[in-house]
N, C-alpha and C. Protein backbone atom coordinates (compact mmCIF):
# COMPACT_ATOMS: atom_id res chain seq x y z
N UNK A 1 0.83 -1.18 0.00
CA UNK A 1 0.00 0.00 0.00
C UNK A 1 0.88 1.24 0.00
N UNK A 2 0.61 2.13 -0.91
CA UNK A 2 1.33 3.40 -0.94
C UNK A 2 0.52 4.41 -0.13
N UNK A 3 1.18 5.09 0.78
CA UNK A 3 0.51 6.04 1.66
C UNK A 3 0.66 7.44 1.08
N UNK A 4 -0.45 8.13 0.97
CA UNK A 4 -0.46 9.51 0.48
C UNK A 4 -0.88 10.43 1.62
N UNK A 5 -0.01 11.37 1.98
CA UNK A 5 -0.40 12.40 2.92
C UNK A 5 -1.22 13.41 2.15
N UNK A 6 -2.36 13.80 2.70
CA UNK A 6 -3.26 14.71 1.97
C UNK A 6 -3.49 15.99 2.76
N UNK A 7 -3.83 17.04 2.02
CA UNK A 7 -4.17 18.32 2.64
C UNK A 7 -5.66 18.28 2.99
N UNK A 8 -5.94 18.11 4.26
CA UNK A 8 -7.32 18.00 4.71
C UNK A 8 -7.37 18.28 6.20
N UNK A 9 -8.44 18.88 6.65
CA UNK A 9 -8.61 19.09 8.08
C UNK A 9 -9.17 17.86 8.77
N UNK A 10 -9.65 16.88 7.97
CA UNK A 10 -10.27 15.67 8.50
C UNK A 10 -9.40 14.44 8.35
N UNK A 11 -8.79 14.27 7.18
CA UNK A 11 -8.05 13.06 6.82
C UNK A 11 -6.56 13.37 6.75
N UNK A 12 -5.74 12.54 7.40
CA UNK A 12 -4.29 12.74 7.39
C UNK A 12 -3.63 11.99 6.24
N UNK A 13 -3.98 10.70 6.07
CA UNK A 13 -3.38 9.91 5.01
C UNK A 13 -4.42 9.03 4.33
N UNK A 14 -4.12 8.69 3.09
CA UNK A 14 -4.97 7.82 2.28
C UNK A 14 -4.06 6.77 1.65
N UNK A 15 -4.46 5.50 1.72
CA UNK A 15 -3.72 4.43 1.06
C UNK A 15 -4.74 3.50 0.41
N UNK A 16 -4.29 2.78 -0.62
CA UNK A 16 -5.22 1.93 -1.35
C UNK A 16 -4.51 0.68 -1.84
N UNK A 17 -5.16 -0.47 -1.68
CA UNK A 17 -4.67 -1.73 -2.21
C UNK A 17 -5.60 -2.13 -3.34
N UNK A 18 -5.13 -1.97 -4.57
CA UNK A 18 -5.97 -2.22 -5.74
C UNK A 18 -6.38 -3.68 -5.87
N UNK A 19 -5.50 -4.60 -5.51
CA UNK A 19 -5.81 -6.03 -5.64
C UNK A 19 -6.99 -6.43 -4.76
N UNK A 20 -7.06 -5.90 -3.54
CA UNK A 20 -8.14 -6.27 -2.62
C UNK A 20 -9.21 -5.19 -2.50
N UNK A 21 -9.03 -4.08 -3.20
CA UNK A 21 -9.97 -2.95 -3.15
C UNK A 21 -10.20 -2.46 -1.72
N UNK A 22 -9.11 -2.34 -0.97
CA UNK A 22 -9.18 -1.83 0.40
C UNK A 22 -8.63 -0.42 0.43
N UNK A 23 -9.45 0.49 0.91
CA UNK A 23 -9.05 1.88 1.10
C UNK A 23 -8.74 2.07 2.57
N UNK A 24 -7.56 2.58 2.87
CA UNK A 24 -7.18 2.85 4.26
C UNK A 24 -7.18 4.36 4.46
N UNK A 25 -7.91 4.82 5.45
CA UNK A 25 -7.93 6.23 5.80
C UNK A 25 -7.44 6.40 7.22
N UNK A 26 -6.49 7.30 7.39
CA UNK A 26 -6.07 7.70 8.73
C UNK A 26 -6.59 9.11 8.94
N UNK A 27 -7.38 9.28 9.97
CA UNK A 27 -7.96 10.57 10.26
C UNK A 27 -7.01 11.39 11.13
N UNK A 28 -7.27 12.67 11.24
CA UNK A 28 -6.40 13.57 12.01
C UNK A 28 -6.29 13.17 13.47
N UNK A 29 -7.26 12.44 13.99
CA UNK A 29 -7.19 11.98 15.38
C UNK A 29 -6.40 10.67 15.48
N UNK A 30 -5.79 10.25 14.36
CA UNK A 30 -4.94 9.06 14.25
C UNK A 30 -5.72 7.75 14.23
N UNK A 31 -7.04 7.80 14.21
CA UNK A 31 -7.83 6.57 14.03
C UNK A 31 -7.67 6.11 12.58
N UNK A 32 -7.51 4.81 12.39
CA UNK A 32 -7.32 4.24 11.06
C UNK A 32 -8.49 3.30 10.76
N UNK A 33 -9.05 3.46 9.57
CA UNK A 33 -10.16 2.64 9.11
C UNK A 33 -9.82 2.00 7.78
N UNK A 34 -10.30 0.79 7.57
CA UNK A 34 -10.24 0.12 6.26
C UNK A 34 -11.66 0.05 5.72
N UNK A 35 -11.81 0.45 4.46
CA UNK A 35 -13.09 0.39 3.75
C UNK A 35 -12.93 -0.65 2.65
N UNK A 36 -13.87 -1.58 2.56
CA UNK A 36 -13.76 -2.74 1.67
C UNK A 36 -14.63 -2.59 0.43
N UNK A 37 -14.10 -3.08 -0.70
CA UNK A 37 -14.84 -3.07 -1.96
C UNK A 37 -14.89 -1.70 -2.62
N UNK A 38 -13.93 -0.85 -2.30
CA UNK A 38 -13.90 0.50 -2.86
C UNK A 38 -13.23 0.45 -4.24
N UNK A 39 -13.93 0.89 -5.28
CA UNK A 39 -13.33 0.86 -6.61
C UNK A 39 -12.20 1.89 -6.73
N UNK A 40 -11.25 1.60 -7.58
CA UNK A 40 -10.09 2.48 -7.76
C UNK A 40 -10.53 3.89 -8.15
N UNK A 41 -11.64 4.00 -8.88
CA UNK A 41 -12.12 5.32 -9.30
C UNK A 41 -12.49 6.19 -8.09
N UNK A 42 -13.07 5.58 -7.07
CA UNK A 42 -13.43 6.32 -5.86
C UNK A 42 -12.18 6.78 -5.12
N UNK A 43 -11.18 5.93 -5.07
CA UNK A 43 -9.90 6.27 -4.44
C UNK A 43 -9.25 7.46 -5.16
N UNK A 44 -9.19 7.38 -6.49
CA UNK A 44 -8.57 8.45 -7.27
C UNK A 44 -9.36 9.75 -7.15
N UNK A 45 -10.68 9.65 -7.13
CA UNK A 45 -11.51 10.84 -6.97
C UNK A 45 -11.30 11.47 -5.59
N UNK A 46 -11.13 10.64 -4.56
CA UNK A 46 -10.84 11.15 -3.23
C UNK A 46 -9.54 11.93 -3.23
N UNK A 47 -8.50 11.37 -3.84
CA UNK A 47 -7.21 12.07 -3.89
C UNK A 47 -7.32 13.40 -4.62
N UNK A 48 -8.16 13.46 -5.65
CA UNK A 48 -8.29 14.67 -6.44
C UNK A 48 -9.34 15.65 -5.95
N UNK A 49 -10.09 15.27 -4.95
CA UNK A 49 -11.18 16.13 -4.46
C UNK A 49 -10.63 17.37 -3.77
N UNK A 50 -11.23 18.53 -4.04
CA UNK A 50 -10.78 19.75 -3.35
C UNK A 50 -11.00 19.67 -1.84
N UNK A 51 -12.06 18.99 -1.42
CA UNK A 51 -12.32 18.77 0.01
C UNK A 51 -12.41 17.26 0.24
N UNK A 52 -11.36 16.70 0.82
CA UNK A 52 -11.33 15.26 1.08
C UNK A 52 -12.44 14.84 2.05
N UNK A 53 -12.66 15.66 3.09
CA UNK A 53 -13.69 15.34 4.08
C UNK A 53 -15.09 15.34 3.47
N UNK A 54 -15.38 16.31 2.63
CA UNK A 54 -16.69 16.37 1.97
C UNK A 54 -16.88 15.19 1.04
N UNK A 55 -15.84 14.85 0.27
CA UNK A 55 -15.94 13.70 -0.63
C UNK A 55 -16.17 12.42 0.18
N UNK A 56 -15.41 12.26 1.26
CA UNK A 56 -15.57 11.09 2.12
C UNK A 56 -17.02 10.99 2.62
N UNK A 57 -17.55 12.08 3.14
CA UNK A 57 -18.91 12.07 3.68
C UNK A 57 -19.96 11.80 2.61
N UNK A 58 -19.75 12.30 1.42
CA UNK A 58 -20.72 12.18 0.34
C UNK A 58 -20.68 10.83 -0.36
N UNK A 59 -19.46 10.26 -0.53
CA UNK A 59 -19.31 9.08 -1.39
C UNK A 59 -18.93 7.80 -0.63
N UNK A 60 -18.10 7.89 0.38
CA UNK A 60 -17.54 6.69 1.02
C UNK A 60 -18.27 6.32 2.31
N UNK A 61 -18.44 7.28 3.17
CA UNK A 61 -19.10 7.02 4.47
C UNK A 61 -20.50 6.45 4.24
N UNK A 62 -20.77 5.31 4.84
CA UNK A 62 -22.07 4.68 4.73
C UNK A 62 -22.30 3.87 3.47
N UNK A 63 -21.35 3.93 2.54
CA UNK A 63 -21.53 3.22 1.26
C UNK A 63 -20.73 1.91 1.20
N UNK A 64 -19.72 1.78 2.06
CA UNK A 64 -18.85 0.60 2.01
C UNK A 64 -18.71 0.00 3.40
N UNK A 65 -18.55 -1.32 3.41
CA UNK A 65 -18.25 -2.02 4.66
C UNK A 65 -16.91 -1.49 5.17
N UNK A 66 -16.78 -1.38 6.48
CA UNK A 66 -15.52 -0.85 7.02
C UNK A 66 -15.18 -1.54 8.33
N UNK A 67 -13.94 -1.36 8.74
CA UNK A 67 -13.46 -1.85 10.03
C UNK A 67 -12.49 -0.81 10.59
N UNK A 68 -12.69 -0.47 11.83
CA UNK A 68 -11.74 0.40 12.52
C UNK A 68 -10.59 -0.48 12.96
N UNK A 69 -9.39 -0.17 12.50
CA UNK A 69 -8.24 -1.03 12.80
C UNK A 69 -7.31 -0.40 13.82
N UNK A 70 -7.54 0.87 14.13
CA UNK A 70 -6.76 1.53 15.17
C UNK A 70 -7.59 2.65 15.76
N UNK A 71 -7.59 2.74 17.07
CA UNK A 71 -8.32 3.82 17.72
C UNK A 71 -7.50 5.09 17.72
N UNK A 72 -6.28 4.99 17.25
CA UNK A 72 -5.41 6.15 17.19
C UNK A 72 -4.40 6.15 18.31
N UNK A 73 -3.30 6.80 18.04
CA UNK A 73 -2.29 7.00 19.07
C UNK A 73 -1.43 8.19 18.65
N UNK A 74 -0.31 8.34 19.24
CA UNK A 74 0.50 9.53 19.02
C UNK A 74 1.64 9.33 18.02
N UNK A 75 1.59 8.30 17.21
CA UNK A 75 2.67 8.06 16.25
C UNK A 75 2.67 9.06 15.10
N UNK A 76 1.55 9.67 14.85
CA UNK A 76 1.47 10.67 13.79
C UNK A 76 1.07 10.06 12.47
N UNK A 77 0.80 10.91 11.46
CA UNK A 77 0.34 10.43 10.17
C UNK A 77 1.40 9.61 9.46
N UNK A 78 0.95 8.67 8.64
CA UNK A 78 1.87 7.95 7.79
C UNK A 78 2.17 6.53 8.19
N UNK A 79 1.72 6.07 9.36
CA UNK A 79 1.99 4.68 9.74
C UNK A 79 0.86 3.80 9.25
N UNK A 80 1.20 2.57 8.97
CA UNK A 80 0.24 1.62 8.39
C UNK A 80 -0.08 0.53 9.40
N UNK A 81 -1.34 0.19 9.50
CA UNK A 81 -1.79 -0.92 10.32
C UNK A 81 -2.11 -2.06 9.38
N UNK A 82 -1.40 -3.18 9.51
CA UNK A 82 -1.62 -4.30 8.60
C UNK A 82 -2.81 -5.15 9.00
N UNK A 83 -3.14 -5.18 10.27
CA UNK A 83 -4.26 -6.00 10.72
C UNK A 83 -5.55 -5.53 10.08
N UNK A 84 -6.40 -6.45 9.74
CA UNK A 84 -7.69 -6.10 9.20
C UNK A 84 -7.78 -6.15 7.70
N UNK A 85 -6.66 -6.27 7.01
CA UNK A 85 -6.71 -6.39 5.56
C UNK A 85 -7.03 -7.85 5.24
N UNK A 86 -8.09 -8.09 4.46
CA UNK A 86 -8.43 -9.47 4.17
C UNK A 86 -7.32 -10.18 3.40
N UNK A 87 -7.11 -11.43 3.75
CA UNK A 87 -6.06 -12.21 3.08
C UNK A 87 -6.63 -13.06 1.98
């Protein structure tokens, strides 16, 4: 998974695994979520959206199965949690 740091007041990093269609979002509070079955087009649109938080709320939130894989901690943006990715 390649991690992209994004300019957003809500989302710190975005990563995507195209083979398994898993979108990983790390929020500014350091909580990490995996969203399952997300098409690559939605991932690319999120990266290109002028407001990542608005795009997330409009297109991703409530539309895909998800799992919270980290409640957050003080490590800061950019770390990856491997647990929770389907094998």
